[in-house]
Protein backbone atom coordinates (compact mmCIF):
# COMPACT_ATOMS: atom_id res chain seq x y z
CA UNK A 1 -8.64 2.40 1.29
CA UNK A 2 -5.02 3.48 0.90
CA UNK A 3 -3.05 2.62 -2.19
CA UNK A 4 -0.66 -0.29 -1.89
CA UNK A 5 3.00 -0.51 -2.79
CA UNK A 6 3.65 -2.20 -6.13
CA UNK A 7 6.70 -3.85 -7.66
CA UNK A 8 10.17 -5.02 -6.78
CA UNK A 9 13.37 -3.03 -7.25
CA UNK A 10 17.03 -3.70 -6.49
CA UNK A 11 19.48 -0.95 -5.51
CA UNK A 12 23.06 -0.78 -4.23
CA UNK A 13 24.31 0.45 -0.88
CA UNK A 14 26.81 3.30 -1.30
CA UNK A 15 30.09 3.78 0.57
CA UNK A 16 28.32 5.77 3.31
CA UNK A 17 25.68 3.08 3.91
CA UNK A 18 22.91 4.88 2.03
CA UNK A 19 20.59 3.43 -0.58
CA UNK A 20 18.27 5.16 -3.01
CA UNK A 21 14.62 4.42 -2.44
CA UNK A 22 13.05 3.77 -5.87
CA UNK A 23 11.11 6.88 -6.93
CA UNK A 24 7.65 5.32 -7.15
CA UNK A 25 8.08 3.76 -3.71
CA UNK A 26 9.45 6.99 -2.27
CA UNK A 27 6.41 8.89 -3.56
CA UNK A 28 4.16 6.47 -1.69
CA UNK A 29 6.03 7.15 1.58
CA UNK A 30 5.61 10.89 0.92
CA UNK A 31 1.88 10.58 0.20
CA UNK A 32 1.32 8.51 3.37
CA UNK A 33 3.21 10.88 5.68
CA UNK A 34 0.67 13.48 6.87
CA UNK A 35 3.44 15.89 7.93
CA UNK A 36 5.39 15.69 4.65
CA UNK A 37 3.37 18.31 2.76
CA UNK A 38 3.51 20.83 5.61
CA UNK A 39 6.98 20.25 7.04
CA UNK A 40 9.06 21.88 4.27
CA UNK A 41 11.92 19.51 5.11
CA UNK A 42 11.50 17.41 1.96
CA UNK A 43 12.04 14.31 4.10
CA UNK A 44 9.42 11.59 4.26
CA UNK A 45 9.18 9.76 7.58
CA UNK A 46 8.78 5.98 7.90
CA UNK A 47 9.20 3.18 10.41
CA UNK A 48 11.58 0.25 9.86
CA UNK A 49 10.72 -2.92 11.77
CA UNK A 50 13.80 -5.12 12.10
CA UNK A 51 12.23 -7.85 14.21
CA UNK A 52 14.00 -10.57 16.17
CA UNK A 53 17.57 -11.71 15.55
CA UNK A 54 16.52 -14.43 13.10
CA UNK A 55 14.83 -11.96 10.69
CA UNK A 56 16.99 -11.38 7.63
CA UNK A 57 14.86 -8.53 6.33
CA UNK A 58 13.41 -5.14 7.26
CA UNK A 59 9.80 -4.08 6.93
CA UNK A 60 9.37 -0.42 5.96
CA UNK A 61 6.00 1.05 6.95
CA UNK A 62 4.47 4.35 5.92
CA UNK A 63 3.39 6.65 8.73
CA UNK A 64 -0.27 6.03 7.86
CA UNK A 65 0.22 2.24 7.97
CA UNK A 66 2.12 2.23 11.27
CA UNK A 67 -0.50 4.48 12.88
CA UNK A 68 -3.24 2.06 11.75
CA UNK A 69 -1.28 -0.85 13.27
CA UNK A 70 -0.79 1.11 16.51
CA UNK A 71 -4.57 1.69 16.69
CA UNK A 72 -5.21 -2.02 16.15
CA UNK A 73 -2.75 -2.92 18.91
CA UNK A 74 -4.36 -0.38 21.26
CA UNK A 75 -7.69 -2.24 20.86
CA UNK A 76 -6.18 -5.54 21.99
CA UNK A 77 -6.49 -6.79 25.57
CA UNK A 78 -3.98 -4.91 27.69
CA UNK A 79 -1.45 -7.31 29.20
CA UNK A 80 -2.27 -10.17 26.81
CA UNK A 81 0.71 -12.04 25.42
CA UNK A 82 -0.47 -11.26 21.88
CA UNK A 83 -0.55 -7.52 22.54
CA UNK A 84 2.80 -7.57 24.33
CA UNK A 85 4.35 -9.55 21.47
CA UNK A 86 3.04 -7.11 18.84
CA UNK A 87 4.18 -4.13 20.93
CA UNK A 88 7.63 -5.72 21.19
CA UNK A 89 7.79 -6.30 17.44
CA UNK A 90 6.28 -3.05 16.19
CA UNK A 91 7.74 -0.72 18.83
CA UNK A 92 10.85 -2.15 20.51
CA UNK A 93 12.16 -3.88 17.40
CA UNK A 94 11.73 -0.87 15.13
CA UNK A 95 13.30 2.48 14.39
CA UNK A 96 12.02 5.79 13.00
CA UNK A 97 13.77 6.74 9.75
CA UNK A 98 13.50 9.33 7.02
CA UNK A 99 14.20 9.53 3.33
CA UNK A 100 16.51 12.48 2.63
CA UNK A 101 15.95 15.17 -0.01
CA UNK A 102 17.97 13.14 -2.53
CA UNK A 103 15.68 10.12 -2.04
CA UNK A 104 18.16 8.09 0.00
CA UNK A 105 17.62 6.01 3.10
CA UNK A 106 20.37 5.72 5.71
CA UNK A 107 20.05 2.73 8.00
CA UNK A 108 21.73 2.67 11.41
CA UNK A 109 25.04 0.78 11.39
CA UNK A 110 23.61 -1.86 13.74
CA UNK A 111 20.89 -2.77 11.22
CA UNK A 112 23.27 -2.76 8.25
CA UNK A 113 25.53 -5.19 10.12
CA UNK A 114 22.62 -7.42 11.19
CA UNK A 115 21.35 -7.71 7.62
CA UNK A 116 24.67 -7.71 5.75
CA UNK A 117 23.85 -4.48 3.93
CA UNK A 118 27.53 -3.67 3.29
CA UNK A 119 29.04 -1.13 0.90
CA UNK A 120 28.22 -2.24 -2.63
CA UNK A 121 25.63 -4.82 -1.55
CA UNK A 122 22.52 -5.13 -3.66
CA UNK A 123 19.29 -4.70 -1.70
CA UNK A 124 15.82 -5.70 -2.87
CA UNK A 125 12.79 -3.56 -2.09
CA UNK A 126 9.69 -5.76 -2.50
CA UNK A 127 6.10 -4.58 -2.15
CA UNK A 128 4.01 -6.32 0.50
CA UNK A 129 0.75 -4.39 0.49
CA UNK A 130 1.06 -1.39 2.79
CA UNK A 131 4.76 -1.93 3.52
CA UNK A 132 8.00 -2.83 1.78
CA UNK A 133 10.38 -5.63 2.60
CA UNK A 134 14.12 -5.00 2.25
CA UNK A 135 16.52 -7.94 1.98
CA UNK A 136 19.54 -9.32 0.17
CA UNK A 137 18.39 -10.86 -3.15
CA UNK A 138 20.27 -14.11 -2.52
CA UNK A 139 18.69 -14.48 0.96
CA UNK A 140 14.93 -13.80 0.67
CA UNK A 141 12.69 -13.93 3.75
CA UNK A 142 11.21 -17.31 4.57
CA UNK A 143 7.64 -16.18 3.79
CA UNK A 144 8.64 -15.22 0.24
CA UNK A 145 10.09 -18.70 -0.26
CA UNK A 146 6.88 -20.24 1.15
CA UNK A 147 4.73 -18.21 -1.28
CA UNK A 148 6.92 -19.28 -4.22
CA UNK A 149 6.60 -22.94 -3.14
CA UNK A 150 2.81 -22.56 -2.77
CA UNK A 151 2.55 -21.03 -6.25
CA UNK A 152 4.70 -23.81 -7.74
CA UNK A 153 2.48 -26.45 -6.11
CA UNK A 154 -0.58 -25.09 -7.96
CA UNK A 155 0.96 -25.63 -11.39
CA UNK A 156 1.13 -23.38 -14.46
CA UNK A 157 -2.61 -23.53 -15.26
CA UNK A 158 -3.76 -22.21 -11.88
CA UNK A 159 -5.37 -18.76 -11.83
CA UNK A 160 -4.28 -17.03 -8.58
CA UNK A 161 -7.16 -14.54 -8.87
CA UNK A 162 -9.47 -17.37 -7.88
CA UNK A 163 -8.08 -17.06 -4.34
CA UNK A 164 -9.34 -13.47 -4.11
CA UNK A 165 -12.75 -14.59 -5.35
CA UNK A 166 -12.89 -17.25 -2.60
CA UNK A 167 -12.05 -14.62 0.01
CA UNK A 168 -14.72 -12.23 -1.30
CA UNK A 169 -17.29 -15.03 -1.08
CA UNK A 170 -16.39 -15.63 2.57
CA UNK A 171 -17.40 -12.07 3.55
CA UNK A 172 -21.02 -12.26 2.53
């Protein structure tokens, strides 16, 4: 099983529209890019899924993770609405990117405008398992808000690890 991303970091967009990818997150992209070690370019490849117009975030996938998703999609019923929807999301609403030798990510202008990632804007990188979410800190994705509301509903004495134990019990 591949290692997961961990943590949350906030960085600023520079005057050229670039942002530094936090070092520990950048290393994970490098480790999960099979061509990185042999390419001698010093540039880790990744895929940014920008989704439909209403998404206010990006999802950054490692090459290993996106290839696993592609394999899962390929196993779905050809022509099914579910497969077509996932192909639309993961292929048509995405872009190949790379992290430069200085550890910076340059998003296309169209995506920076869509998301409000202007010069000087602070951007949050948040771990979500095998991908990162990028968003403006004052405008988190809806699912992050839902998780925070769920956690608040459980109260301060709730042990979230009990959810993992329930899931493990369901497998056997």
